[in-house]
Structures are given as C-alpha cells and as structure tokens.
Amino acid sequence: MTECKPEGRAARRPAPGGARSEAKPSVDRTGRARVLAGGLALRWPARLALLGLLGLALASGREVFLRLAPALVYGALGLAFRASLAGGSSLIEELVRRRIPEAPEFIAGYCRGLTRAWAWLLLSSALAVAALALAGSREGWLAASSWGVPALLAACAGGEFLFRKWWFRYYFSGGPLDRLFARFFPAEATERGRRSQAYIQCYREERARAGALSSSP
C-alpha cells in the first residue's frame, strides 16, 4: 500500500493564501528534537578539547598537539552521527526534514544506514589522521589532513548522492537534474520509484486540496 501522510509535514509551512494548517505536529517530534540535541551536545566538549590541545601546544612547544586538531574534529563529528542513532530517528533524517519538510517517511531506514556509514567513515578518518600525527611524517599528515581526507569525504558524498537518486528515483522538484535522471532511470521502472512517484502525486493532491480550502470563503 502506498504511504501518503503529508499533512504533518505540510503543516510546518504556511498554507497558500497565508493561512496556516491546523494539523497536529508529528507524535515523534520530541524524539527528533532529542536526536538533534544529542548531536549538538558534543559541540562544547569538542571545543574544550580543541582549546586543551592549543594549550598543550603552547605550553610544550610541540607541534604534535596541533596536528591532532583535525582528528579531533573528525572524531567529534563521527560521534555526533553515532549518538543520533540512539533514538528512533537519525541526524541525517532530521537534517533532511528541516530542509525538505515534505520528505516521505520511507526514507527513515536509508537515513539511519547512511548516518551509521558516515559515523564510521568520520571515526576512521579521525583515527588515520591521528595515527599520522603521532607516528607518521609531517608530509604524510599534511597531505591527509589538508586534501586527502576532505577529498575522500567529498567523493563519498558525491557517490552517495548519485546512488540515492538511482535508489529512490524521487524526482520531486522536476528540475534539470531530476529530468536527466528520469530519462535514464525512470521512476516507473522499479518498485521504489513507483512508490516515490505515488507519494509525490499524493502530496501534491493534498496540498492542492489544502489550498482550495484555505482560499474558500
């Protein structure tokens, strides 16, 4: 059965004509707020640790403490991603829903898996940079921290974007990129694509009905 529950997310945006929907908020909003709060709670420990590394570098005159700073940043990000999985949601899902309130519920499992993958990737990057800072050459550490790890993360992000477009075939915006993907990977060719297509149609119908009701006297 096709899932279509756009009312809760549509209520976060003003309805056409300036009216605001009276739909009730999602029942899991508290849990989702907890996911974001858990990730943000790591900010201060990470900042204090960075200040500690700076203080150790100044007190000892050893550059190695400064070299550990990129590893600390990657590690803190990885822990934030990992900590968000403790609840029913995930950090990536919450970021997606803040940017795209109409995103369907069936993305939740994919977002949890992606959050877990990014957590391990960031933590692995932190360990690699830390190992180079402590035992590697300065040139090797500089290459890894300045462009090696960022290039790896950018490549993973780009690859995941292409995979996601192919996996879901969720062509909501209808822009040039969506049209290009739809030409080579039509939504109706897979079950997941048909589910995305049906959800988009249902969402637009619900929005049209909400707009008609808000504009009626």
C-alpha atoms as a PDB file:
ATOM      1  CA  MET A   1       0.000   0.000   0.000  1.00  0.00           C
ATOM      2  CA  THR A   2       1.344   3.455  -0.921  1.00  0.00           C
ATOM      3  CA  GLU A   3       2.235   5.625   2.045  1.00  0.00           C
ATOM      4  CA  CYS A   4       0.918   9.171   1.906  1.00  0.00           C
ATOM      5  CA  LYS A   5       0.970  11.239   5.084  1.00  0.00           C
ATOM      6  CA  PRO A   6       1.878  14.742   4.015  1.00  0.00           C
ATOM      7  CA  GLU A   7      -0.409  16.561   6.451  1.00  0.00           C
ATOM      8  CA  GLY A   8       2.040  16.675   9.372  1.00  0.00           C
ATOM      9  CA  ARG A   9       4.901  17.965   7.279  1.00  0.00           C
ATOM     10  CA  ALA A  10       2.752  20.304   5.216  1.00  0.00           C
ATOM     11  CA  ALA A  11       1.618  21.937   8.453  1.00  0.00           C
ATOM     12  CA  ARG A  12       5.144  23.228   9.002  1.00  0.00           C
ATOM     13  CA  ARG A  13       4.762  25.536   6.024  1.00  0.00           C
ATOM     14  CA  PRO A  14       2.186  28.328   5.682  1.00  0.00           C
ATOM     15  CA  ALA A  15      -0.698  27.224   3.505  1.00  0.00           C
ATOM     16  CA  PRO A  16      -1.389  29.140   0.265  1.00  0.00           C
ATOM     17  CA  GLY A  17      -3.041  32.478   0.937  1.00  0.00           C
ATOM     18  CA  GLY A  18      -1.265  32.995   4.255  1.00  0.00           C
ATOM     19  CA  ALA A  19      -3.412  30.599   6.265  1.00  0.00           C
ATOM     20  CA  ARG A  20      -1.664  28.085   8.499  1.00  0.00           C
ATOM     21  CA  SER A  21      -2.712  24.464   8.629  1.00  0.00           C
ATOM     22  CA  GLU A  22      -4.209  23.249  11.899  1.00  0.00           C
ATOM     23  CA  ALA A  23      -2.781  19.751  11.547  1.00  0.00           C
ATOM     24  CA  LYS A  24      -1.278  18.357  14.726  1.00  0.00           C
ATOM     25  CA  PRO A  25       2.502  18.032  14.973  1.00  0.00           C
ATOM     26  CA  SER A  26       4.097  14.673  14.450  1.00  0.00           C
ATOM     27  CA  VAL A  27       3.977  12.458  17.521  1.00  0.00           C
ATOM     28  CA  ASP A  28       7.692  11.791  17.293  1.00  0.00           C
ATOM     29  CA  ARG A  29       8.745  15.447  17.281  1.00  0.00           C
ATOM     30  CA  THR A  30      10.106  15.178  20.825  1.00  0.00           C
ATOM     31  CA  GLY A  31      12.264  12.215  19.836  1.00  0.00           C
ATOM     32  CA  ARG A  32      13.523  14.043  16.793  1.00  0.00           C
ATOM     33  CA  ALA A  33      14.378  17.123  18.850  1.00  0.00           C
ATOM     34  CA  ARG A  34      16.291  14.827  21.196  1.00  0.00           C
ATOM     35  CA  VAL A  35      18.314  13.488  18.252  1.00  0.00           C
ATOM     36  CA  LEU A  36      19.409  16.990  17.262  1.00  0.00           C
ATOM     37  CA  ALA A  37      20.085  17.988  20.847  1.00  0.00           C
ATOM     38  CA  GLY A  38      22.241  14.902  21.347  1.00  0.00           C
ATOM     39  CA  GLY A  39      24.359  15.790  18.341  1.00  0.00           C
ATOM     40  CA  LEU A  40      24.690  19.429  19.375  1.00  0.00           C
ATOM     41  CA  ALA A  41      25.630  18.436  22.933  1.00  0.00           C
ATOM     42  CA  LEU A  42      29.021  17.309  21.636  1.00  0.00           C
ATOM     43  CA  ARG A  43      29.921  20.816  20.494  1.00  0.00           C
ATOM     44  CA  TRP A  44      31.188  22.092  23.838  1.00  0.00           C
ATOM     45  CA  PRO A  45      33.298  19.027  24.719  1.00  0.00           C
ATOM     46  CA  ALA A  46      34.876  19.230  21.259  1.00  0.00           C
ATOM     47  CA  ARG A  47      35.588  22.945  21.668  1.00  0.00           C
ATOM     48  CA  LEU A  48      37.094  22.405  25.102  1.00  0.00           C
ATOM     49  CA  ALA A  49      39.262  19.595  23.739  1.00  0.00           C
ATOM     50  CA  LEU A  50      40.494  21.869  20.941  1.00  0.00           C
ATOM     51  CA  LEU A  51      41.356  24.544  23.479  1.00  0.00           C
ATOM     52  CA  GLY A  52      43.147  21.885  25.510  1.00  0.00           C
ATOM     53  CA  LEU A  53      45.247  20.866  22.500  1.00  0.00           C
ATOM     54  CA  LEU A  54      46.100  24.506  21.844  1.00  0.00           C
ATOM     55  CA  GLY A  55      47.099  24.977  25.467  1.00  0.00           C
ATOM     56  CA  LEU A  56      49.306  21.880  25.408  1.00  0.00           C
ATOM     57  CA  ALA A  57      50.943  23.065  22.183  1.00  0.00           C
ATOM     58  CA  LEU A  58      51.691  26.470  23.658  1.00  0.00           C
ATOM     59  CA  ALA A  59      52.934  25.057  26.961  1.00  0.00           C
ATOM     60  CA  SER A  60      55.155  22.355  25.469  1.00  0.00           C
ATOM     61  CA  GLY A  61      56.108  23.927  22.166  1.00  0.00           C
ATOM     62  CA  ARG A  62      55.350  20.610  20.434  1.00  0.00           C
ATOM     63  CA  GLU A  63      53.603  20.720  17.083  1.00  0.00           C
ATOM     64  CA  VAL A  64      52.113  17.250  17.519  1.00  0.00           C
ATOM     65  CA  PHE A  65      49.268  18.618  19.639  1.00  0.00           C
ATOM     66  CA  LEU A  66      48.228  20.952  16.843  1.00  0.00           C
ATOM     67  CA  ARG A  67      48.384  18.068  14.366  1.00  0.00           C
ATOM     68  CA  LEU A  68      45.777  16.245  16.429  1.00  0.00           C
ATOM     69  CA  ALA A  69      43.210  19.023  15.928  1.00  0.00           C
ATOM     70  CA  PRO A  70      41.824  17.739  12.576  1.00  0.00           C
ATOM     71  CA  ALA A  71      41.488  14.248  14.055  1.00  0.00           C
ATOM     72  CA  LEU A  72      39.534  15.707  16.966  1.00  0.00           C
ATOM     73  CA  VAL A  73      37.148  17.499  14.591  1.00  0.00           C
ATOM     74  CA  TYR A  74      36.517  14.350  12.534  1.00  0.00           C
ATOM     75  CA  GLY A  75      36.095  12.313  15.692  1.00  0.00           C
ATOM     76  CA  ALA A  76      33.585  14.743  17.200  1.00  0.00           C
ATOM     77  CA  LEU A  77      31.536  14.716  14.005  1.00  0.00           C
ATOM     78  CA  GLY A  78      31.623  10.925  13.875  1.00  0.00           C
ATOM     79  CA  LEU A  79      30.466  10.679  17.485  1.00  0.00           C
ATOM     80  CA  ALA A  80      27.635  13.143  16.813  1.00  0.00           C
ATOM     81  CA  PHE A  81      26.413  10.989  13.924  1.00  0.00           C
ATOM     82  CA  ARG A  82      26.762   7.840  16.021  1.00  0.00           C
ATOM     83  CA  ALA A  83      25.000   9.328  19.057  1.00  0.00           C
ATOM     84  CA  SER A  84      21.975  10.318  16.966  1.00  0.00           C
ATOM     85  CA  LEU A  85      21.244   6.638  16.281  1.00  0.00           C
ATOM     86  CA  ALA A  86      20.350   6.043  19.928  1.00  0.00           C
ATOM     87  CA  GLY A  87      16.800   7.297  19.315  1.00  0.00           C
ATOM     88  CA  GLY A  88      14.258   6.285  16.727  1.00  0.00           C
ATOM     89  CA  SER A  89      15.490   8.799  14.183  1.00  0.00           C
ATOM     90  CA  SER A  90      18.925   9.847  12.945  1.00  0.00           C
ATOM     91  CA  LEU A  91      20.866  13.052  12.444  1.00  0.00           C
ATOM     92  CA  ILE A  92      20.725  12.851   8.652  1.00  0.00           C
ATOM     93  CA  GLU A  93      16.962  12.285   8.661  1.00  0.00           C
ATOM     94  CA  GLU A  94      16.444  15.331  10.865  1.00  0.00           C
ATOM     95  CA  LEU A  95      18.651  17.483   8.642  1.00  0.00           C
ATOM     96  CA  VAL A  96      16.729  16.270   5.593  1.00  0.00           C
ATOM     97  CA  ARG A  97      13.354  17.017   7.193  1.00  0.00           C
ATOM     98  CA  ARG A  98      14.424  20.500   8.203  1.00  0.00           C
ATOM     99  CA  ARG A  99      15.357  21.260   4.605  1.00  0.00           C
ATOM    100  CA  ILE A 100      12.580  19.207   2.934  1.00  0.00           C
ATOM    101  CA  PRO A 101       9.537  19.016   5.245  1.00  0.00           C
ATOM    102  CA  GLU A 102       7.594  17.045   2.619  1.00  0.00           C
ATOM    103  CA  ALA A 103      10.119  14.191   2.602  1.00  0.00           C
ATOM    104  CA  PRO A 104       8.287  10.843   2.966  1.00  0.00           C
ATOM    105  CA  GLU A 105       8.567   8.539   5.949  1.00  0.00           C
ATOM    106  CA  PHE A 106      10.051   5.711   3.904  1.00  0.00           C
ATOM    107  CA  ILE A 107      13.432   7.450   3.828  1.00  0.00           C
ATOM    108  CA  ALA A 108      13.940   6.778   7.559  1.00  0.00           C
ATOM    109  CA  GLY A 109      15.704   3.411   7.208  1.00  0.00           C
ATOM    110  CA  TYR A 110      18.007   4.682   4.478  1.00  0.00           C
ATOM    111  CA  CYS A 111      18.891   7.752   6.552  1.00  0.00           C
ATOM    112  CA  ARG A 112      19.766   5.586   9.560  1.00  0.00           C
ATOM    113  CA  GLY A 113      22.022   3.407   7.444  1.00  0.00           C
ATOM    114  CA  LEU A 114      23.640   6.453   5.878  1.00  0.00           C
ATOM    115  CA  THR A 115      24.149   8.071   9.291  1.00  0.00           C
ATOM    116  CA  ARG A 116      25.841   4.906  10.516  1.00  0.00           C
ATOM    117  CA  ALA A 117      28.089   4.801   7.439  1.00  0.00           C
ATOM    118  CA  TRP A 118      29.131   8.431   7.884  1.00  0.00           C
ATOM    119  CA  ALA A 119      29.810   7.858  11.573  1.00  0.00           C
ATOM    120  CA  TRP A 120      32.230   5.033  10.800  1.00  0.00           C
ATOM    121  CA  LEU A 121      33.823   6.942   7.914  1.00  0.00           C
ATOM    122  CA  LEU A 122      34.453  10.018  10.070  1.00  0.00           C
ATOM    123  CA  LEU A 123      35.738   7.995  13.013  1.00  0.00           C
ATOM    124  CA  SER A 124      38.049   6.018  10.703  1.00  0.00           C
ATOM    125  CA  SER A 125      39.313   9.272   9.205  1.00  0.00           C
ATOM    126  CA  ALA A 126      39.965  10.601  12.714  1.00  0.00           C
ATOM    127  CA  LEU A 127      41.993   7.517  13.616  1.00  0.00           C
ATOM    128  CA  ALA A 128      44.003   7.710  10.378  1.00  0.00           C
ATOM    129  CA  VAL A 129      44.825  11.398  10.821  1.00  0.00           C
ATOM    130  CA  ALA A 130      45.687  10.858  14.496  1.00  0.00           C
ATOM    131  CA  ALA A 131      47.998   7.966  13.617  1.00  0.00           C
ATOM    132  CA  LEU A 132      49.796  10.092  11.032  1.00  0.00           C
ATOM    133  CA  ALA A 133      50.043  12.960  13.521  1.00  0.00           C
ATOM    134  CA  LEU A 134      51.635  10.745  16.174  1.00  0.00           C
ATOM    135  CA  ALA A 135      53.738   8.326  14.151  1.00  0.00           C
ATOM    136  CA  GLY A 136      53.778   9.461  10.533  1.00  0.00           C
ATOM    137  CA  SER A 137      55.814  12.015   8.657  1.00  0.00           C
ATOM    138  CA  ARG A 138      54.797  15.641   8.635  1.00  0.00           C
ATOM    139  CA  GLU A 139      54.322  15.454   4.866  1.00  0.00           C
ATOM    140  CA  GLY A 140      52.015  12.466   5.148  1.00  0.00           C
ATOM    141  CA  TRP A 141      49.931  14.095   7.868  1.00  0.00           C
ATOM    142  CA  LEU A 142      49.744  17.351   5.905  1.00  0.00           C
ATOM    143  CA  ALA A 143      48.598  15.551   2.750  1.00  0.00           C
ATOM    144  CA  ALA A 144      45.942  13.570   4.600  1.00  0.00           C
ATOM    145  CA  SER A 145      44.554  16.423   6.686  1.00  0.00           C
ATOM    146  CA  SER A 146      44.672  19.178   4.066  1.00  0.00           C
ATOM    147  CA  TRP A 147      43.277  17.412   0.996  1.00  0.00           C
ATOM    148  CA  GLY A 148      43.337  13.616   1.338  1.00  0.00           C
ATOM    149  CA  VAL A 149      40.524  13.102   3.847  1.00  0.00           C
ATOM    150  CA  PRO A 150      38.410  16.036   2.552  1.00  0.00           C
ATOM    151  CA  ALA A 151      38.696  14.651  -0.984  1.00  0.00           C
ATOM    152  CA  LEU A 152      37.654  11.204   0.251  1.00  0.00           C
ATOM    153  CA  LEU A 153      34.643  12.625   2.097  1.00  0.00           C
ATOM    154  CA  ALA A 154      33.626  14.710  -0.928  1.00  0.00           C
ATOM    155  CA  ALA A 155      33.902  11.673  -3.210  1.00  0.00           C
ATOM    156  CA  CYS A 156      31.774   9.600  -0.812  1.00  0.00           C
ATOM    157  CA  ALA A 157      29.165  12.356  -0.623  1.00  0.00           C
ATOM    158  CA  GLY A 158      29.013  12.645  -4.403  1.00  0.00           C
ATOM    159  CA  GLY A 159      28.792   8.884  -4.867  1.00  0.00           C
ATOM    160  CA  GLU A 160      26.049   8.619  -2.259  1.00  0.00           C
ATOM    161  CA  PHE A 161      24.067  11.369  -3.975  1.00  0.00           C
ATOM    162  CA  LEU A 162      24.133   9.518  -7.287  1.00  0.00           C
ATOM    163  CA  PHE A 163      23.265   6.226  -5.594  1.00  0.00           C
ATOM    164  CA  ARG A 164      20.372   7.840  -3.716  1.00  0.00           C
ATOM    165  CA  LYS A 165      18.905   9.331  -6.881  1.00  0.00           C
ATOM    166  CA  TRP A 166      19.100   5.908  -8.530  1.00  0.00           C
ATOM    167  CA  TRP A 167      17.795   4.053  -5.463  1.00  0.00           C
ATOM    168  CA  PHE A 168      14.715   6.131  -4.664  1.00  0.00           C
ATOM    169  CA  ARG A 169      14.083   7.810  -8.056  1.00  0.00           C
ATOM    170  CA  TYR A 170      12.360  10.549  -6.098  1.00  0.00           C
ATOM    171  CA  TYR A 171      12.016  13.335  -8.658  1.00  0.00           C
ATOM    172  CA  PHE A 172      10.089  15.927  -6.667  1.00  0.00           C
ATOM    173  CA  SER A 173      11.461  19.207  -7.976  1.00  0.00           C
ATOM    174  CA  GLY A 174      11.335  18.321 -11.666  1.00  0.00           C
ATOM    175  CA  GLY A 175      14.444  20.416 -12.301  1.00  0.00           C
ATOM    176  CA  PRO A 176      17.122  19.715 -14.924  1.00  0.00           C
ATOM    177  CA  LEU A 177      18.900  17.119 -12.799  1.00  0.00           C
ATOM    178  CA  ASP A 178      15.658  15.311 -11.994  1.00  0.00           C
ATOM    179  CA  ARG A 179      14.712  15.292 -15.667  1.00  0.00           C
ATOM    180  CA  LEU A 180      18.123  13.907 -16.604  1.00  0.00           C
ATOM    181  CA  PHE A 181      17.880  11.082 -14.076  1.00  0.00           C
ATOM    182  CA  ALA A 182      14.270  10.380 -15.034  1.00  0.00           C
ATOM    183  CA  ARG A 183      15.326   9.943 -18.643  1.00  0.00           C
ATOM    184  CA  PHE A 184      17.878   7.234 -17.859  1.00  0.00           C
ATOM    185  CA  PHE A 185      16.342   5.881 -14.642  1.00  0.00           C
ATOM    186  CA  PRO A 186      12.559   6.242 -14.937  1.00  0.00           C
ATOM    187  CA  ALA A 187      10.659   6.039 -11.666  1.00  0.00           C
ATOM    188  CA  GLU A 188       8.083   3.625 -13.043  1.00  0.00           C
ATOM    189  CA  ALA A 189      10.777   1.029 -13.781  1.00  0.00           C
ATOM    190  CA  THR A 190      11.256  -0.020 -10.123  1.00  0.00           C
ATOM    191  CA  GLU A 191       9.001  -0.601  -7.128  1.00  0.00           C
ATOM    192  CA  ARG A 192      10.840   2.053  -5.093  1.00  0.00           C
ATOM    193  CA  GLY A 193      10.492   4.519  -7.953  1.00  0.00           C
ATOM    194  CA  ARG A 194       6.763   3.859  -8.282  1.00  0.00           C
ATOM    195  CA  ARG A 195       6.404   4.347  -4.526  1.00  0.00           C
ATOM    196  CA  SER A 196       8.193   7.702  -4.780  1.00  0.00           C
ATOM    197  CA  GLN A 197       6.101   8.702  -7.763  1.00  0.00           C
ATOM    198  CA  ALA A 198       2.854   7.801  -5.985  1.00  0.00           C
ATOM    199  CA  TYR A 199       3.883   9.710  -2.867  1.00  0.00           C
ATOM    200  CA  ILE A 200       4.723  12.855  -4.841  1.00  0.00           C
ATOM    201  CA  GLN A 201       1.370  12.736  -6.618  1.00  0.00           C
ATOM    202  CA  CYS A 202      -0.486  12.177  -3.336  1.00  0.00           C
ATOM    203  CA  TYR A 203       1.407  15.007  -1.640  1.00  0.00           C
ATOM    204  CA  ARG A 204       0.595  17.461  -4.424  1.00  0.00           C
ATOM    205  CA  GLU A 205      -3.071  16.481  -4.372  1.00  0.00           C
ATOM    206  CA  GLU A 206      -3.189  17.050  -0.607  1.00  0.00           C
ATOM    207  CA  ARG A 207      -1.537  20.438  -0.985  1.00  0.00           C
ATOM    208  CA  ALA A 208      -3.970  21.394  -3.749  1.00  0.00           C
ATOM    209  CA  ARG A 209      -6.943  20.455  -1.550  1.00  0.00           C
ATOM    210  CA  ALA A 210      -5.471  22.403   1.388  1.00  0.00           C
ATOM    211  CA  GLY A 211      -5.010  25.421  -0.858  1.00  0.00           C
ATOM    212  CA  ALA A 212      -8.559  25.204  -2.126  1.00  0.00           C
ATOM    213  CA  LEU A 213      -9.937  25.012   1.419  1.00  0.00           C
ATOM    214  CA  SER A 214      -7.849  27.958   2.645  1.00  0.00           C
ATOM    215  CA  SER A 215      -8.968  30.177  -0.251  1.00  0.00           C
ATOM    216  CA  SER A 216     -12.657  29.325   0.059  1.00  0.00           C
ATOM    217  CA  PRO A 217     -14.817  31.886   1.944  1.00  0.00           C
END
